[in-house]
Amino acid sequence: MKALPIILEPKSRSFLDLGINYTGEVRTSLHLLFTSFANKEEALLTLRTLLKERLIACGTLLPSAYSLYLWKDQLEETAEVVVFLKTSTPLLNQCMERLKELHPYEVPEIIALEAAALDSDYGNWLKQVLSGSNFSSFAT
């Protein structure tokens, strides 16, 4: 017997939908960028700069990551801090370029993913923060 696909409908329309085309594709304005740093201090310095420049609305640090990778024909193993950055579609390219400028790695990991859906309140907050309508200045 062939299994039928299961389609789950949300109980409420609380997801921010910024465009549904006729193929059923849902698009949001949120992009998550992933990167990693050698330590928390480097990550915080970069996040604070991106926040002050309003290129991201939020950054989340996940300490205690352990990475294995090939670098210049050598197997490397290193402790790192993984960072998730939240930005909008219009700011994505500028944010990625600035992150690369600020990043201390010679070849930083910078990966962007578009969110399939997000809560409407969170989406509205994201737009307010990135447009500068929430805050007039940052404390240092």
Protein backbone atom coordinates (compact mmCIF):
# COMPACT_ATOMS: atom_id res chain seq x y z
CA MET A 1 0.00 0.00 0.00
CA LYS A 2 1.38 3.40 -0.98
CA ALA A 3 1.69 5.93 1.86
CA LEU A 4 -0.20 9.15 1.34
CA PRO A 5 1.57 12.44 2.04
CA ILE A 6 0.50 14.15 5.25
CA ILE A 7 -0.15 17.86 5.03
CA LEU A 8 -0.39 19.65 8.36
CA GLU A 9 -2.24 22.94 8.49
CA PRO A 10 -1.38 25.39 11.26
CA LYS A 11 -4.13 25.83 13.87
CA SER A 12 -3.95 29.58 13.38
CA ARG A 13 -2.52 31.89 10.78
CA SER A 14 0.20 33.20 13.10
CA PHE A 15 3.02 32.73 10.59
CA LEU A 16 4.28 35.76 8.77
CA ASP A 17 3.67 35.12 5.10
CA LEU A 18 5.23 37.73 2.88
CA GLY A 19 4.18 36.17 -0.39
CA ILE A 20 2.62 33.00 -1.68
CA ASN A 21 2.86 32.43 -5.38
CA TYR A 22 0.53 30.11 -7.25
CA THR A 23 2.92 27.17 -6.96
CA GLY A 24 2.35 27.21 -3.20
CA GLU A 25 5.86 28.43 -2.35
CA VAL A 26 5.96 30.35 0.93
CA ARG A 27 8.58 33.06 1.33
CA THR A 28 9.53 34.89 4.50
CA SER A 29 11.78 37.84 5.11
CA LEU A 30 14.03 36.05 7.63
CA HIS A 31 17.42 34.62 6.82
CA LEU A 32 19.57 32.74 9.31
CA LEU A 33 23.29 33.02 8.84
CA PHE A 34 25.61 30.50 10.41
CA THR A 35 29.25 31.10 11.17
CA SER A 36 31.85 30.07 13.72
CA PHE A 37 34.58 31.80 15.69
CA ALA A 38 37.62 30.66 17.63
CA ASN A 39 36.29 32.15 20.86
CA LYS A 40 33.41 34.02 22.50
CA GLU A 41 35.23 37.38 22.54
CA GLU A 42 35.73 37.44 18.75
CA ALA A 43 32.11 36.42 18.23
CA LEU A 44 30.77 39.10 20.58
CA LEU A 45 32.89 41.83 18.99
CA THR A 46 31.54 40.95 15.54
CA LEU A 47 27.93 40.61 16.74
CA ARG A 48 28.00 43.96 18.49
CA THR A 49 29.26 45.65 15.32
CA LEU A 50 26.58 44.01 13.14
CA LEU A 51 23.88 44.97 15.66
CA LYS A 52 25.05 48.59 15.87
CA GLU A 53 25.08 48.77 12.07
CA ARG A 54 21.55 47.24 12.05
CA LEU A 55 22.57 44.44 9.72
CA ILE A 56 21.23 41.83 12.13
CA ALA A 57 18.39 41.88 14.63
CA CYS A 58 19.80 39.15 16.83
CA GLY A 59 22.79 36.90 17.26
CA THR A 60 22.89 33.65 19.22
CA LEU A 61 26.16 32.13 20.43
CA LEU A 62 26.43 28.39 20.93
CA PRO A 63 29.65 27.70 22.82
CA SER A 64 31.43 24.38 23.04
CA ALA A 65 31.23 23.35 19.40
CA TYR A 66 33.99 21.10 18.15
CA SER A 67 34.91 21.21 14.47
CA LEU A 68 36.91 18.83 12.31
CA TYR A 69 37.91 20.02 8.86
CA LEU A 70 40.62 19.89 6.25
CA TRP A 71 42.78 22.99 6.00
CA LYS A 72 45.79 23.22 3.71
CA ASP A 73 45.90 19.43 3.37
CA GLN A 74 45.88 18.89 7.14
CA LEU A 75 43.15 17.51 9.37
CA GLU A 76 42.29 20.18 11.93
CA GLU A 77 40.32 19.76 15.15
CA THR A 78 39.36 22.84 17.10
CA ALA A 79 36.92 24.14 19.68
CA GLU A 80 34.73 26.89 18.26
CA VAL A 81 31.74 29.07 19.04
CA VAL A 82 28.90 28.63 16.55
CA VAL A 83 26.84 31.75 15.89
CA PHE A 84 23.36 32.14 14.39
CA LEU A 85 22.60 35.59 12.97
CA LYS A 86 19.09 36.74 12.07
CA THR A 87 18.65 39.25 9.25
CA SER A 88 16.15 40.20 6.57
CA THR A 89 16.19 39.38 2.88
CA PRO A 90 16.96 42.98 1.80
CA LEU A 91 19.99 43.10 4.13
CA LEU A 92 21.30 39.60 3.43
CA ASN A 93 24.06 40.39 0.91
CA GLN A 94 25.26 43.46 2.80
CA CYS A 95 25.28 41.49 6.06
CA MET A 96 27.26 38.62 4.52
CA GLU A 97 29.82 41.01 3.02
CA ARG A 98 30.25 42.88 6.30
CA LEU A 99 30.51 39.64 8.28
CA LYS A 100 33.28 38.49 5.97
CA GLU A 101 35.12 41.83 6.42
CA LEU A 102 34.89 41.60 10.21
CA HIS A 103 35.59 37.89 10.56
CA PRO A 104 39.08 36.98 11.78
CA TYR A 105 39.26 33.71 9.80
CA GLU A 106 41.03 33.64 6.45
CA VAL A 107 38.09 31.70 4.97
CA PRO A 108 35.12 32.08 7.29
CA GLU A 109 32.16 29.74 7.21
CA ILE A 110 29.20 31.93 6.21
CA ILE A 111 26.05 30.03 5.31
CA ALA A 112 22.61 31.59 4.84
CA LEU A 113 19.27 29.80 4.96
CA GLU A 114 15.84 31.28 4.35
CA ALA A 115 13.30 30.48 7.05
CA ALA A 116 10.33 28.52 5.72
CA ALA A 117 8.00 30.17 8.23
CA LEU A 118 8.17 32.37 11.30
CA ASP A 119 5.86 33.71 13.94
CA SER A 120 4.22 36.98 12.89
CA ASP A 121 5.14 38.77 16.14
CA TYR A 122 8.78 37.77 15.69
CA GLY A 123 8.68 38.83 12.04
CA ASN A 124 7.27 42.22 12.96
CA TRP A 125 9.92 42.67 15.66
CA LEU A 126 12.62 41.75 13.16
CA LYS A 127 11.38 44.37 10.69
CA GLN A 128 11.16 47.05 13.40
CA VAL A 129 14.66 46.42 14.70
CA LEU A 130 16.26 46.32 11.27
CA SER A 131 14.44 49.44 10.11
CA GLY A 132 15.58 51.34 13.20
CA SER A 133 12.05 52.23 14.33
CA ASN A 134 12.45 50.58 17.75
CA PHE A 135 15.57 52.26 19.05
CA SER A 136 17.25 55.57 18.43
CA SER A 137 20.66 54.48 19.70
CA PHE A 138 22.55 51.64 21.31
CA ALA A 139 24.18 51.62 24.70
CA THR A 140 27.84 50.78 24.50
